[in-house]
Amino acid sequence: MVQGNLRQFELDFPLIKERAQLENAPFDDTPNCPPADQPSEKRETTSAEQAQDPQLTHTITDMKVKFTDLERELVQLRELFSHQLRKEEVHIPSTELSRLRPDREQDQAELSRLRTEIRVLQQHQESHIAALSTLTEEVKELREEQKLQDRGRLLPGQLESHPDHKQDAGSPTQNHHDQETSPT
């Protein structure tokens, strides 16, 4: 539709231009043309020329109508083009969102699975810590029992000569080593 109107105008334009040149030709060749610095007289002459030639008036009116139609079509095309661009701009993100939704759902499922695994690992850690503290207490109790048994086996005279009883006997590690190697 737009191109049909434009083609019609293109076909009419040379004819309109030719008519306008023919109408203006006798006035341009006359030596009595008003100077360019007097626009009011030229306006009067133009009005007088238009009054003399109804065909020229009709041609000018036709041109104005066609230019107005072309301007309307141009505005419509701009609106249509901008609407299409907005539509495509909206379509592209919605397509991208559709593509990303399954990824998001997979990521959420993975996150849920990892949280469950973390809870299980924390429970294991807590049970291991409890077992470790129980073992630590048992080791302390066994050491205490060992010390009491060692003291009970020693006679009061031997207690003073025992390496654990001496305060300047050295490190506890060496004292423990000495106990193991001594034949008492």
Protein backbone atom coordinates (compact mmCIF):
# COMPACT_ATOMS: atom_id res chain seq x y z
CA MET A 1 0.00 0.00 0.00
CA VAL A 2 2.75 2.42 0.93
CA GLN A 3 4.79 1.65 -2.14
CA GLY A 4 1.74 1.98 -4.37
CA ASN A 5 1.13 5.53 -3.14
CA LEU A 6 4.79 6.39 -3.46
CA ARG A 7 4.94 5.09 -7.03
CA GLN A 8 1.88 7.07 -7.98
CA PHE A 9 3.50 10.18 -6.55
CA GLU A 10 6.74 9.45 -8.38
CA LEU A 11 4.79 9.17 -11.62
CA ASP A 12 2.85 12.38 -10.95
CA PHE A 13 5.83 14.42 -9.78
CA PRO A 14 7.51 15.02 -13.18
CA LEU A 15 4.18 16.13 -14.61
CA ILE A 16 3.56 18.47 -11.67
CA LYS A 17 7.10 19.81 -11.90
CA GLU A 18 6.76 20.43 -15.64
CA ARG A 19 3.51 22.32 -15.16
CA ALA A 20 5.02 24.47 -12.45
CA GLN A 21 8.02 25.31 -14.65
CA LEU A 22 5.77 26.24 -17.56
CA GLU A 23 3.72 28.51 -15.37
CA ASN A 24 6.78 30.22 -13.87
CA ALA A 25 8.73 30.49 -17.14
CA PRO A 26 7.02 33.63 -18.55
CA PHE A 27 7.40 35.42 -15.21
CA ASP A 28 11.09 34.62 -14.84
CA ASP A 29 11.96 35.96 -18.31
CA THR A 30 10.33 39.34 -17.82
CA PRO A 31 12.66 42.21 -17.00
CA ASN A 32 10.14 43.65 -14.55
CA CYS A 33 10.57 40.91 -11.91
CA PRO A 34 10.48 42.24 -8.37
CA PRO A 35 13.83 42.21 -6.54
CA ALA A 36 14.48 39.46 -4.02
CA ASP A 37 14.77 41.93 -1.13
CA GLN A 38 11.05 42.78 -1.34
CA PRO A 39 9.28 39.62 -0.21
CA SER A 40 5.89 41.29 0.36
CA GLU A 41 5.59 42.27 -3.31
CA LYS A 42 6.60 38.77 -4.36
CA ARG A 43 3.90 37.32 -2.12
CA GLU A 44 1.36 39.56 -3.74
CA THR A 45 2.56 38.51 -7.17
CA THR A 46 2.39 34.84 -6.19
CA SER A 47 -1.15 35.31 -4.93
CA ALA A 48 -2.04 37.12 -8.14
CA GLU A 49 -0.47 34.33 -10.21
CA GLN A 50 -2.41 31.70 -8.30
CA ALA A 51 -5.62 33.62 -8.82
CA GLN A 52 -4.93 33.80 -12.54
CA ASP A 53 -4.22 30.08 -12.98
CA PRO A 54 -6.61 27.67 -11.22
CA GLN A 55 -4.65 24.71 -12.62
CA LEU A 56 -1.57 25.83 -10.67
CA THR A 57 -3.61 26.18 -7.50
CA HIS A 58 -5.03 22.72 -8.03
CA THR A 59 -1.55 21.28 -8.63
CA ILE A 60 -0.14 22.87 -5.49
CA THR A 61 -3.08 21.60 -3.46
CA ASP A 62 -2.55 18.11 -4.87
CA MET A 63 1.12 18.25 -3.95
CA LYS A 64 0.31 19.36 -0.40
CA VAL A 65 -2.18 16.53 0.00
CA LYS A 66 0.29 13.98 -1.32
CA PHE A 67 3.08 15.30 0.92
CA THR A 68 0.72 15.12 3.90
CA ASP A 69 -0.15 11.53 3.00
CA LEU A 70 3.52 10.68 2.67
CA GLU A 71 4.27 12.24 6.05
CA ARG A 72 1.47 10.17 7.64
CA GLU A 73 2.81 7.02 6.04
CA LEU A 74 6.30 7.86 7.22
CA VAL A 75 5.06 8.28 10.80
CA GLN A 76 3.17 4.98 10.55
CA LEU A 77 6.25 3.22 9.23
CA ARG A 78 8.37 4.61 12.06
CA GLU A 79 5.82 3.47 14.62
CA LEU A 80 5.57 0.05 13.00
CA PHE A 81 9.33 -0.29 12.85
CA SER A 82 9.82 0.77 16.48
CA HIS A 83 7.00 -1.57 17.54
CA GLN A 84 8.67 -4.46 15.70
CA LEU A 85 12.00 -3.66 17.35
CA ARG A 86 10.39 -3.62 20.80
CA LYS A 87 8.64 -6.88 20.03
CA GLU A 88 11.94 -8.49 19.02
CA GLU A 89 13.68 -7.04 22.06
CA VAL A 90 11.01 -8.56 24.29
CA HIS A 91 11.03 -11.84 22.36
CA ILE A 92 14.78 -12.33 22.70
CA PRO A 93 14.87 -12.06 26.53
CA SER A 94 11.79 -14.27 26.88
CA THR A 95 13.46 -16.90 24.68
CA GLU A 96 16.61 -16.61 26.76
CA LEU A 97 14.57 -16.98 29.96
CA SER A 98 12.85 -20.06 28.58
CA ARG A 99 16.23 -21.55 27.82
CA LEU A 100 17.60 -20.72 31.29
CA ARG A 101 14.64 -21.98 33.34
CA PRO A 102 15.61 -25.67 33.09
CA ASP A 103 19.17 -24.75 34.10
CA ARG A 104 17.81 -22.90 37.12
CA GLU A 105 15.64 -25.85 38.12
CA GLN A 106 18.61 -28.20 37.80
CA ASP A 107 20.75 -25.85 39.87
CA GLN A 108 18.08 -25.67 42.58
CA ALA A 109 17.84 -29.46 42.69
CA GLU A 110 21.63 -29.70 42.93
CA LEU A 111 21.64 -27.11 45.72
CA SER A 112 19.01 -29.06 47.64
CA ARG A 113 20.99 -32.28 47.22
CA LEU A 114 24.18 -30.58 48.43
CA ARG A 115 22.41 -29.14 51.49
CA THR A 116 21.19 -32.63 52.39
CA GLU A 117 24.71 -34.01 52.02
CA ILE A 118 26.07 -31.21 54.20
CA ARG A 119 23.52 -32.03 56.94
CA VAL A 120 24.53 -35.71 56.81
CA LEU A 121 28.22 -34.78 56.97
CA GLN A 122 27.57 -32.47 59.93
CA GLN A 123 25.78 -35.29 61.74
CA HIS A 124 28.73 -37.60 61.04
CA GLN A 125 31.10 -34.93 62.27
CA GLU A 126 29.11 -34.48 65.47
CA SER A 127 29.06 -38.23 66.09
CA HIS A 128 32.81 -38.45 65.43
CA ILE A 129 33.46 -35.56 67.80
CA ALA A 130 31.35 -37.25 70.48
CA ALA A 131 33.21 -40.54 69.94
CA LEU A 132 36.55 -38.74 70.05
CA SER A 133 35.72 -36.99 73.31
CA THR A 134 34.57 -40.33 74.78
CA LEU A 135 37.85 -41.94 73.71
CA THR A 136 39.81 -39.02 75.16
CA GLU A 137 38.04 -39.47 78.50
CA GLU A 138 38.71 -43.22 78.44
CA VAL A 139 42.40 -42.61 77.72
CA LYS A 140 42.58 -40.18 80.67
CA GLU A 141 40.90 -42.71 82.94
CA LEU A 142 43.26 -45.46 81.78
CA ARG A 143 46.28 -43.26 82.45
CA GLU A 144 44.97 -42.47 85.93
CA GLU A 145 44.42 -46.16 86.60
CA GLN A 146 47.91 -46.92 85.32
CA LYS A 147 49.41 -44.33 87.65
CA LEU A 148 47.49 -45.70 90.60
CA GLN A 149 48.53 -49.24 89.78
CA ASP A 150 52.16 -48.18 89.43
CA ARG A 151 52.01 -46.41 92.80
CA GLY A 152 50.31 -49.39 94.42
CA ARG A 153 53.03 -51.76 93.27
CA LEU A 154 55.80 -49.64 94.68
CA LEU A 155 56.68 -49.83 98.34
CA PRO A 156 56.97 -46.64 100.34
CA GLY A 157 60.77 -46.77 100.11
CA GLN A 158 60.70 -47.37 96.40
CA LEU A 159 58.25 -44.50 95.83
CA GLU A 160 60.95 -41.90 96.40
CA SER A 161 63.30 -43.59 93.99
CA HIS A 162 60.61 -43.98 91.32
CA PRO A 163 61.29 -41.65 88.30
CA ASP A 164 57.69 -40.29 88.23
CA HIS A 165 57.95 -39.27 91.84
CA LYS A 166 61.10 -37.19 91.35
CA GLN A 167 60.40 -33.62 90.35
CA ASP A 168 63.75 -33.00 88.66
CA ALA A 169 63.76 -36.29 86.79
CA GLY A 170 63.27 -34.77 83.32
CA SER A 171 60.47 -34.67 80.83
CA PRO A 172 57.31 -36.77 81.34
CA THR A 173 58.01 -38.55 78.09
CA GLN A 174 61.40 -39.68 79.28
CA ASN A 175 59.95 -40.68 82.65
CA HIS A 176 57.39 -42.83 80.88
CA HIS A 177 60.16 -44.32 78.74
CA ASP A 178 62.24 -45.00 81.84
CA GLN A 179 59.30 -46.80 83.45
CA GLU A 180 58.96 -49.12 80.53
CA THR A 181 62.66 -50.00 80.45
CA SER A 182 63.18 -50.37 84.20
CA PRO A 183 62.94 -53.95 85.55
CA THR A 184 60.87 -53.08 88.67
